[in-house]
Protein backbone atom coordinates (compact mmCIF):
# COMPACT_ATOMS: atom_id res chain seq x y z
CA MET A 1 -109.25 97.20 -7.87
CA VAL A 2 -112.78 97.61 -9.18
CA LEU A 3 -114.23 98.73 -5.87
CA GLU A 4 -111.43 101.24 -5.30
CA ALA A 5 -112.52 102.88 -8.54
CA ALA A 6 -116.27 102.61 -7.97
CA ARG A 7 -116.91 105.78 -5.96
CA PRO A 8 -120.42 106.80 -4.91
CA LEU A 9 -122.08 109.11 -7.42
CA GLY A 10 -123.24 112.60 -6.58
CA SER A 11 -126.54 113.64 -5.10
CA GLU A 12 -129.82 114.37 -6.80
CA THR A 13 -133.21 115.39 -5.43
CA VAL A 14 -136.11 113.10 -6.27
CA PRO A 15 -139.74 112.82 -5.15
CA SER A 16 -139.85 110.81 -1.93
CA ALA A 17 -142.58 108.59 -3.36
CA GLU A 18 -140.15 107.50 -6.12
CA ALA A 19 -137.11 106.95 -3.88
CA LEU A 20 -137.64 103.30 -2.98
CA GLY A 21 -134.29 101.51 -2.85
CA ARG A 22 -132.24 104.71 -3.13
CA VAL A 23 -129.56 105.75 -0.64
CA LEU A 24 -129.67 109.04 1.27
CA THR A 25 -126.84 111.54 0.76
CA ALA A 26 -127.81 113.61 3.80
CA SER A 27 -129.41 112.84 7.14
CA VAL A 28 -133.08 113.75 7.52
CA VAL A 29 -133.71 115.92 10.59
CA SER A 30 -137.28 116.12 11.79
CA GLY A 31 -138.92 119.51 11.81
CA ARG A 32 -141.87 118.24 13.84
CA SER A 33 -142.70 115.84 16.64
CA LEU A 34 -144.46 112.55 15.96
CA PRO A 35 -147.02 112.37 17.33
CA PRO A 36 -147.48 116.14 17.61
CA ASP A 37 -149.61 115.82 20.80
CA ASP A 38 -150.33 113.31 23.50
CA ASN A 39 -153.09 111.25 21.88
CA SER A 40 -155.25 108.24 22.49
CA ALA A 41 -154.03 104.82 21.41
CA MET A 42 -157.55 103.38 21.78
CA ASP A 43 -161.23 104.17 21.39
CA GLY A 44 -162.41 104.77 24.94
CA TYR A 45 -162.69 107.39 27.67
CA ALA A 46 -160.12 110.01 28.64
CA LEU A 47 -159.94 110.75 32.35
CA ARG A 48 -157.65 111.31 35.31
CA ALA A 49 -156.17 108.06 36.61
CA ALA A 50 -156.39 109.43 40.17
CA ASP A 51 -160.20 109.37 39.89
CA LEU A 52 -160.06 105.55 39.79
CA ALA A 53 -157.92 105.14 42.89
CA ALA A 54 -160.91 104.40 45.14
CA GLY A 55 -162.34 101.60 42.99
CA PRO A 56 -165.36 101.46 40.67
CA VAL A 57 -166.71 104.88 39.70
CA GLU A 58 -169.30 106.49 37.46
CA LEU A 59 -168.20 109.65 35.70
CA PRO A 60 -170.15 112.10 33.56
CA VAL A 61 -169.14 112.09 29.89
CA VAL A 62 -168.85 115.83 29.25
CA TYR A 63 -167.87 115.85 25.57
CA GLU A 64 -166.43 113.78 22.72
CA VAL A 65 -163.05 114.18 21.00
CA PRO A 66 -162.94 112.62 17.53
CA ALA A 67 -159.70 112.08 15.62
CA GLY A 68 -158.57 115.30 13.97
CA ALA A 69 -160.26 117.56 16.54
CA ARG A 70 -159.33 119.05 19.89
CA ALA A 71 -161.18 119.07 23.19
CA PRO A 72 -163.33 122.18 23.69
CA ARG A 73 -161.95 122.71 27.21
CA PRO A 74 -159.71 121.06 29.82
CA LEU A 75 -161.04 118.00 31.59
CA ALA A 76 -161.77 118.55 35.26
CA SER A 77 -161.36 116.06 38.08
CA GLY A 78 -164.32 113.68 38.21
CA GLU A 79 -165.08 114.03 34.49
CA ALA A 80 -164.56 111.75 31.48
CA ALA A 81 -164.49 112.44 27.74
CA ARG A 82 -165.39 110.06 24.97
CA ILE A 83 -162.23 109.84 22.80
CA LEU A 84 -161.38 108.03 19.57
CA THR A 85 -158.06 106.54 18.48
CA GLY A 86 -155.58 109.21 17.43
CA ALA A 87 -157.47 112.12 18.97
CA PRO A 88 -155.41 114.57 21.08
CA LEU A 89 -155.72 113.96 24.82
CA PRO A 90 -157.67 116.72 26.58
CA SER A 91 -155.70 118.92 28.91
CA GLY A 92 -156.15 117.61 32.45
CA ALA A 93 -156.53 113.97 31.37
CA ASP A 94 -153.62 111.57 31.77
CA ALA A 95 -155.07 108.17 30.83
CA VAL A 96 -157.55 106.43 28.55
CA VAL A 97 -159.79 103.54 29.57
CA ARG A 98 -160.62 101.24 26.64
CA GLN A 99 -164.28 101.23 25.70
CA GLU A 100 -164.43 97.45 26.23
CA ASP A 101 -163.32 97.97 29.85
CA ALA A 102 -166.10 100.46 30.57
CA GLU A 103 -169.90 100.53 30.56
CA ARG A 104 -171.72 103.46 29.00
CA ILE A 105 -174.93 104.41 30.83
CA GLY A 106 -176.59 107.31 29.04
CA GLU A 107 -174.47 110.42 29.63
CA ARG A 108 -172.27 108.67 32.15
CA VAL A 109 -169.64 105.95 32.00
CA ARG A 110 -169.10 103.28 34.65
CA ILE A 111 -165.53 102.13 35.20
CA PRO A 112 -165.55 98.83 37.14
CA ALA A 113 -162.81 97.61 39.43
CA GLY A 114 -161.77 95.16 36.72
CA PRO A 115 -162.56 94.51 33.05
CA LEU A 116 -164.83 91.71 31.92
CA SER A 117 -162.01 89.30 32.76
CA GLY A 118 -158.81 89.80 34.72
CA GLU A 119 -157.59 92.58 36.97
CA PHE A 120 -157.96 96.09 35.63
CA VAL A 121 -155.57 98.81 36.72
CA CYS A 122 -155.52 102.21 35.00
CA ARG A 123 -152.33 104.11 35.61
CA SER A 124 -151.28 107.52 34.43
CA GLY A 125 -150.22 107.19 30.78
CA GLU A 126 -152.38 104.12 30.13
CA ASN A 127 -153.27 103.86 26.41
CA VAL A 128 -151.68 107.23 25.71
CA ARG A 129 -149.15 107.94 22.95
CA ARG A 130 -146.83 110.64 24.22
CA THR A 131 -145.77 113.68 22.17
CA GLY A 132 -142.61 112.87 20.22
CA GLU A 133 -142.41 109.24 21.35
CA ASP A 134 -141.77 108.28 17.70
CA VAL A 135 -139.64 111.26 16.64
CA ALA A 136 -139.06 114.53 18.46
CA ALA A 137 -138.53 117.80 16.62
CA GLY A 138 -134.81 118.15 15.96
CA ASP A 139 -134.15 114.39 16.03
CA THR A 140 -132.25 112.74 13.18
CA ALA A 141 -135.00 110.54 11.79
CA LEU A 142 -132.95 108.88 9.01
CA GLU A 143 -129.16 108.73 8.81
CA ASP A 144 -126.99 109.65 5.83
CA GLY A 145 -126.33 106.42 3.90
CA CYS A 146 -129.68 104.89 4.83
CA ARG A 147 -131.30 102.73 2.15
CA LEU A 148 -134.90 103.82 1.71
CA GLY A 149 -137.41 101.02 2.14
CA PRO A 150 -141.17 101.13 2.72
CA ALA A 151 -140.86 102.14 6.40
CA GLN A 152 -138.40 104.92 5.57
CA LEU A 153 -140.68 106.30 2.85
CA GLY A 154 -143.52 106.27 5.37
CA MET A 155 -141.35 108.24 7.79
CA LEU A 156 -140.53 110.82 5.12
CA ALA A 157 -144.24 111.22 4.42
CA SER A 158 -144.98 111.62 8.15
CA LEU A 159 -142.36 114.35 8.34
CA GLY A 160 -143.84 116.16 5.35
CA ARG A 161 -140.78 115.52 3.18
CA THR A 162 -142.04 115.25 -0.39
CA THR A 163 -138.53 115.32 -1.88
CA VAL A 164 -135.29 113.78 -0.68
CA ALA A 165 -131.58 113.89 -1.61
CA VAL A 166 -130.19 110.54 -2.75
CA HIS A 167 -127.23 109.18 -4.70
CA ALA A 168 -127.76 109.25 -8.45
CA ARG A 169 -128.53 106.01 -10.25
CA PRO A 170 -125.56 104.66 -12.23
CA LEU A 171 -126.08 104.98 -15.97
CA VAL A 172 -124.64 101.96 -17.77
CA ALA A 173 -123.91 101.82 -21.50
CA LEU A 174 -124.16 98.30 -22.93
CA LEU A 175 -122.47 97.29 -26.17
CA SER A 176 -122.60 93.90 -27.86
CA GLY A 177 -120.21 93.07 -30.67
CA GLY A 178 -119.89 90.54 -33.47
CA ASP A 179 -120.95 90.09 -37.08
CA GLU A 180 -122.76 86.91 -36.08
CA LEU A 181 -125.16 88.69 -33.73
CA VAL A 182 -128.73 89.76 -34.49
CA GLU A 183 -131.59 91.17 -32.45
CA PRO A 184 -134.23 88.71 -31.15
CA ASP A 185 -136.46 89.23 -34.20
CA GLY A 186 -133.53 88.97 -36.64
CA ASP A 187 -132.65 86.26 -39.15
CA VAL A 188 -130.76 83.48 -37.36
CA SER A 189 -129.95 81.49 -40.48
CA GLY A 190 -126.41 81.13 -41.76
CA GLY A 191 -124.78 80.76 -38.36
CA ARG A 192 -126.20 83.94 -36.82
CA ILE A 193 -127.25 84.01 -33.17
CA VAL A 194 -129.37 86.30 -31.04
CA SER A 195 -127.56 88.91 -28.97
CA SER A 196 -129.01 87.70 -25.66
CA ASN A 197 -126.28 89.28 -23.53
CA SER A 198 -127.62 92.79 -24.04
CA TYR A 199 -130.98 91.75 -22.58
CA THR A 200 -129.47 89.70 -19.76
CA LEU A 201 -127.10 92.48 -18.72
CA ALA A 202 -129.69 95.25 -19.03
CA ALA A 203 -131.97 93.31 -16.70
CA ALA A 204 -129.09 92.70 -14.28
CA CYS A 205 -128.43 96.45 -14.22
CA ARG A 206 -132.05 97.29 -13.52
CA GLU A 207 -132.17 94.68 -10.77
CA VAL A 208 -129.69 96.75 -8.72
CA GLY A 209 -131.36 100.08 -9.53
CA ALA A 210 -129.04 101.18 -12.35
CA GLU A 211 -130.25 102.53 -15.68
CA ALA A 212 -129.18 100.72 -18.84
CA ARG A 213 -128.54 102.41 -22.19
CA TYR A 214 -128.23 99.97 -25.08
CA LEU A 215 -125.69 100.98 -27.72
CA GLY A 216 -126.67 98.22 -30.11
CA ILE A 217 -124.60 95.56 -31.85
CA ALA A 218 -121.24 96.69 -33.18
CA ARG A 219 -119.93 95.09 -36.35
CA ASP A 220 -116.43 93.63 -36.30
CA GLU A 221 -115.02 96.86 -37.68
CA PRO A 222 -113.00 99.35 -35.59
CA ALA A 223 -114.87 102.35 -37.03
CA ASP A 224 -118.29 101.02 -36.05
CA ILE A 225 -117.05 99.99 -32.61
CA GLU A 226 -115.52 103.44 -32.04
CA HIS A 227 -118.68 105.24 -33.16
CA ARG A 228 -120.84 103.26 -30.74
CA LEU A 229 -118.40 103.46 -27.83
CA ARG A 230 -118.18 107.24 -28.12
CA THR A 231 -121.91 107.51 -27.49
CA GLY A 232 -121.42 105.78 -24.15
CA LEU A 233 -118.53 107.85 -22.82
CA ARG A 234 -120.77 110.11 -20.74
CA CYS A 235 -122.22 107.18 -18.82
CA ASP A 236 -120.95 106.03 -15.43
CA ALA A 237 -120.04 102.54 -16.61
CA LEU A 238 -119.39 101.08 -20.04
CA VAL A 239 -120.00 97.35 -20.38
CA THR A 240 -118.99 95.56 -23.55
CA SER A 241 -119.77 91.98 -24.34
CA ALA A 242 -117.30 90.09 -26.59
CA GLY A 243 -114.52 91.51 -28.70
CA VAL A 244 -112.11 91.98 -25.78
CA SER A 245 -110.01 88.86 -26.38
CA VAL A 246 -107.06 88.46 -28.76
CA GLY A 247 -108.76 87.00 -31.85
CA ASP A 248 -108.36 88.45 -35.36
CA HIS A 249 -111.70 90.25 -35.08
CA ASP A 250 -111.47 91.33 -31.44
CA HIS A 251 -111.03 95.07 -31.95
CA VAL A 252 -112.63 96.45 -28.79
CA ARG A 253 -109.46 96.67 -26.72
CA GLY A 254 -107.60 98.60 -29.40
CA VAL A 255 -110.46 101.05 -29.86
CA LEU A 256 -110.76 101.61 -26.12
CA GLN A 257 -107.07 102.42 -25.86
CA LYS A 258 -107.44 104.86 -28.77
CA LEU A 259 -110.25 106.59 -26.86
CA GLY A 260 -108.02 107.03 -23.81
CA CYS A 261 -108.99 104.02 -21.74
CA ARG A 262 -106.21 102.51 -19.66
CA LEU A 263 -106.73 98.78 -19.27
CA LEU A 264 -105.84 97.82 -15.71
CA CYS A 265 -106.35 94.08 -15.98
CA PHE A 266 -106.95 91.46 -18.61
CA GLY A 267 -107.87 87.96 -17.54
CA VAL A 268 -108.99 86.61 -14.18
CA ARG A 269 -108.19 83.13 -12.91
CA MET A 270 -111.80 82.03 -12.87
CA LYS A 271 -114.13 79.84 -14.89
CA PRO A 272 -116.34 80.84 -16.51
CA GLY A 273 -115.14 84.36 -17.28
CA TYR A 274 -111.37 84.30 -17.77
CA PRO A 275 -111.21 86.96 -20.56
CA PHE A 276 -112.50 89.78 -18.35
CA VAL A 277 -111.14 93.31 -18.85
CA PHE A 278 -111.31 96.27 -16.48
CA GLY A 279 -110.14 99.78 -17.30
CA ARG A 280 -110.41 103.47 -16.53
CA PHE A 281 -110.23 106.51 -18.72
CA GLU A 282 -107.37 108.92 -18.24
CA GLU A 283 -107.74 111.20 -15.19
CA GLY A 284 -111.08 109.59 -14.41
CA ALA A 285 -112.77 111.61 -17.17
CA GLY A 286 -114.92 108.76 -18.39
CA PRO A 287 -116.86 105.70 -17.34
CA LEU A 288 -115.47 102.61 -15.68
CA LEU A 289 -114.89 100.04 -18.40
CA PHE A 290 -115.93 96.42 -18.02
CA GLY A 291 -115.12 94.15 -20.91
CA LEU A 292 -117.08 90.94 -20.45
CA PRO A 293 -116.68 87.68 -22.36
CA GLY A 294 -119.15 86.92 -25.13
CA ASN A 295 -120.38 83.55 -23.92
CA PRO A 296 -123.68 84.20 -22.10
CA VAL A 297 -122.81 82.40 -18.86
CA SER A 298 -119.37 83.99 -18.72
CA ALA A 299 -120.88 87.42 -19.28
CA LEU A 300 -123.42 87.00 -16.49
CA VAL A 301 -120.99 85.44 -14.00
CA THR A 302 -118.41 88.21 -14.50
CA PHE A 303 -121.20 90.77 -14.16
CA GLU A 304 -122.14 89.18 -10.84
CA GLN A 305 -118.58 89.22 -9.50
CA PHE A 306 -117.37 92.62 -10.71
CA VAL A 307 -120.00 94.88 -12.28
CA ARG A 308 -122.87 94.34 -9.85
CA PRO A 309 -120.85 95.29 -6.71
CA ALA A 310 -119.44 98.33 -8.53
CA LEU A 311 -122.90 99.60 -9.50
CA LEU A 312 -124.15 99.17 -5.95
CA ALA A 313 -121.14 101.10 -4.64
CA MET A 314 -121.77 103.90 -7.15
CA ALA A 315 -125.37 104.12 -5.94
CA GLY A 316 -124.15 104.63 -2.37
CA HIS A 317 -124.79 101.16 -0.99
CA THR A 318 -122.38 99.62 1.50
CA THR A 319 -123.68 96.06 1.27
CA LEU A 320 -122.35 95.06 -2.12
CA HIS A 321 -122.21 91.29 -2.41
CA ARG A 322 -124.64 88.40 -2.67
CA PRO A 323 -125.35 86.41 0.51
CA ARG A 324 -123.16 83.34 1.02
CA ILE A 325 -124.36 80.17 2.67
CA SER A 326 -122.66 76.94 3.68
CA VAL A 327 -123.84 73.85 1.82
CA THR A 328 -123.16 70.17 1.56
CA VAL A 329 -121.98 69.08 -1.88
CA ALA A 330 -124.50 66.51 -3.13
CA GLU A 331 -122.26 65.03 -5.83
CA THR A 332 -118.51 64.76 -6.35
CA LEU A 333 -117.09 67.62 -8.45
CA THR A 334 -113.69 67.62 -10.14
CA LYS A 335 -111.58 70.10 -12.11
CA LYS A 336 -107.99 71.02 -12.91
CA ALA A 337 -106.05 73.21 -10.49
CA GLY A 338 -105.38 76.81 -11.42
CA ARG A 339 -108.73 78.58 -11.70
CA LEU A 340 -111.52 79.27 -9.28
CA HIS A 341 -114.72 77.72 -10.67
CA PHE A 342 -118.23 79.06 -10.17
CA VAL A 343 -120.40 75.97 -10.42
CA ARG A 344 -124.06 76.67 -11.15
CA VAL A 345 -126.09 74.73 -8.60
CA ARG A 346 -129.60 73.96 -7.45
CA LEU A 347 -130.25 73.97 -3.72
CA GLU A 348 -132.44 71.74 -1.58
CA ARG A 349 -133.19 71.62 2.12
CA CYS A 350 -132.73 68.35 3.99
CA GLY A 351 -133.74 69.19 7.55
CA ARG A 352 -131.24 71.76 8.76
CA GLU A 353 -128.84 70.92 5.96
CA VAL A 354 -128.71 72.62 2.55
CA ARG A 355 -127.44 70.50 -0.32
CA ALA A 356 -126.09 71.84 -3.60
CA ARG A 357 -126.28 69.93 -6.86
CA SER A 358 -124.90 70.95 -10.27
CA THR A 359 -127.44 72.19 -12.82
CA GLY A 360 -125.80 69.89 -15.36
CA ASN A 361 -123.77 70.98 -18.37
CA GLN A 362 -121.42 73.71 -17.13
CA SER A 363 -120.36 74.99 -20.54
CA SER A 364 -120.11 78.78 -20.64
CA GLY A 365 -122.45 78.79 -23.62
CA VAL A 366 -125.28 76.93 -21.87
CA LEU A 367 -127.46 79.74 -20.52
CA ARG A 368 -129.92 77.19 -19.13
CA SER A 369 -127.31 76.35 -16.49
CA MET A 370 -127.94 79.87 -15.15
CA THR A 371 -131.71 79.92 -15.57
CA GLU A 372 -131.91 76.85 -13.31
CA ALA A 373 -129.21 77.98 -10.87
CA GLN A 374 -130.10 79.20 -7.39
CA GLY A 375 -126.49 79.82 -6.56
CA LEU A 376 -122.85 79.73 -7.62
CA LEU A 377 -120.79 77.18 -5.73
CA ILE A 378 -117.24 78.38 -5.08
CA PHE A 379 -114.76 75.68 -6.14
CA PRO A 380 -111.37 77.04 -4.94
CA ALA A 381 -108.66 77.64 -7.53
CA GLU A 382 -106.12 75.10 -6.32
CA ALA A 383 -108.63 72.40 -5.38
CA THR A 384 -109.17 69.57 -7.83
CA ARG A 385 -111.93 67.64 -6.10
CA LEU A 386 -114.94 68.31 -3.92
CA ALA A 387 -116.31 64.99 -2.72
CA ALA A 388 -119.99 64.37 -2.10
CA GLY A 389 -120.68 65.18 1.55
CA GLU A 390 -118.00 67.88 1.82
CA GLN A 391 -118.83 71.42 2.84
CA ALA A 392 -118.61 74.35 0.41
CA GLU A 393 -119.74 77.97 0.08
CA VAL A 394 -122.41 79.16 -2.34
CA GLN A 395 -123.16 82.68 -3.52
CA LEU A 396 -126.93 82.86 -3.36
CA LEU A 397 -128.44 84.13 -6.62
CA ASP A 398 -132.03 83.25 -5.75
CA GLU A 399 -132.53 84.93 -2.39
CA SER A 400 -136.09 83.63 -2.26
CA PHE A 401 -134.50 80.30 -1.30
CA LEU A 402 -134.16 81.79 2.18
CA ALA A 403 -137.88 82.50 2.32
CA TRP A 404 -139.89 80.45 4.80
CA HIS A 405 -142.50 78.25 3.14
CA GLY A 406 -145.30 78.97 5.56
CA PRO A 407 -146.39 81.64 8.05
CA GLY A 408 -143.49 83.68 9.32
CA PHE A 409 -144.48 83.31 12.97
């Protein structure tokens, strides 16, 4: 339901140098060939391969071609030109002999039958980069929907594209609610607690390339909630934390309905995160609404399952979900049937096997269970027991776990 509503946002033009991680809205067609000329892949000597057919030769070096310059004239048969890496190949030449495979003798160069070791054969095209072998003029260099990484930004630079059309970044309004909440530097006496969810969720938005707009902490009063929510109605997504349940002071749902938001679901059979709300404004004239639970773990887990994929979809991505890996359960886990559980786990490698172990206290208020978690183990809804040694699936939160601890070759 969420992903059906999370349509890719429109296009905007941004500087190519600032487009890392963005998704193209139009294919990039090359207006030039790369490389623009046949050029040398090595420092050495440009010549005609046919001149070496009879064996070792000495050829006069008639001129030099540095990178960024062109030969003063075509190269004739029986001549060689000193050439540096990247320099255009002189007309008439069809090969380059590496300087380490040749011997310079004054104004001449001696090309032996073989290099210092091994058989040497110089064929036409040897050590030459052909015109357009990377990209030819008129080629589609980058496809619509391509995610721009370092190599893609390098290609845009090579093509002279200083700006590029990409999907807009989702703008997310974040609202926390509750009279008990204060900012991190606030007074926490008298039962007050810090509104950590706003910081957790803002960081989670930025992690996927979205922009976060903090609406502050709403008091448990409908008027204050309405005032703050109205300031977020022009955003692409509106994420509230707490106040969406059915308690005496949970006013968010009522205010949202007053503002024209149609709640499409309330409650998901999962733990943590049951009191999750999703809604849309009438005729799509407003942001997608995500009402997250107030407990910090519940808020972050529901963000992972529902908000994160939606933001990626809005930004034009097609890969929306965390990697999943198979693991061996390291300890027996039990629960009641009826809800899917996301168990916060640490991971460890044991040879080719990956083992998952609970981070400890799984209360939805224990944020440390998330700070130490490398993944969320999926404990199926109707299952009541996962015995030690059984196989399970884990959503990988810490993708660095897949990194190789040593050279990558």
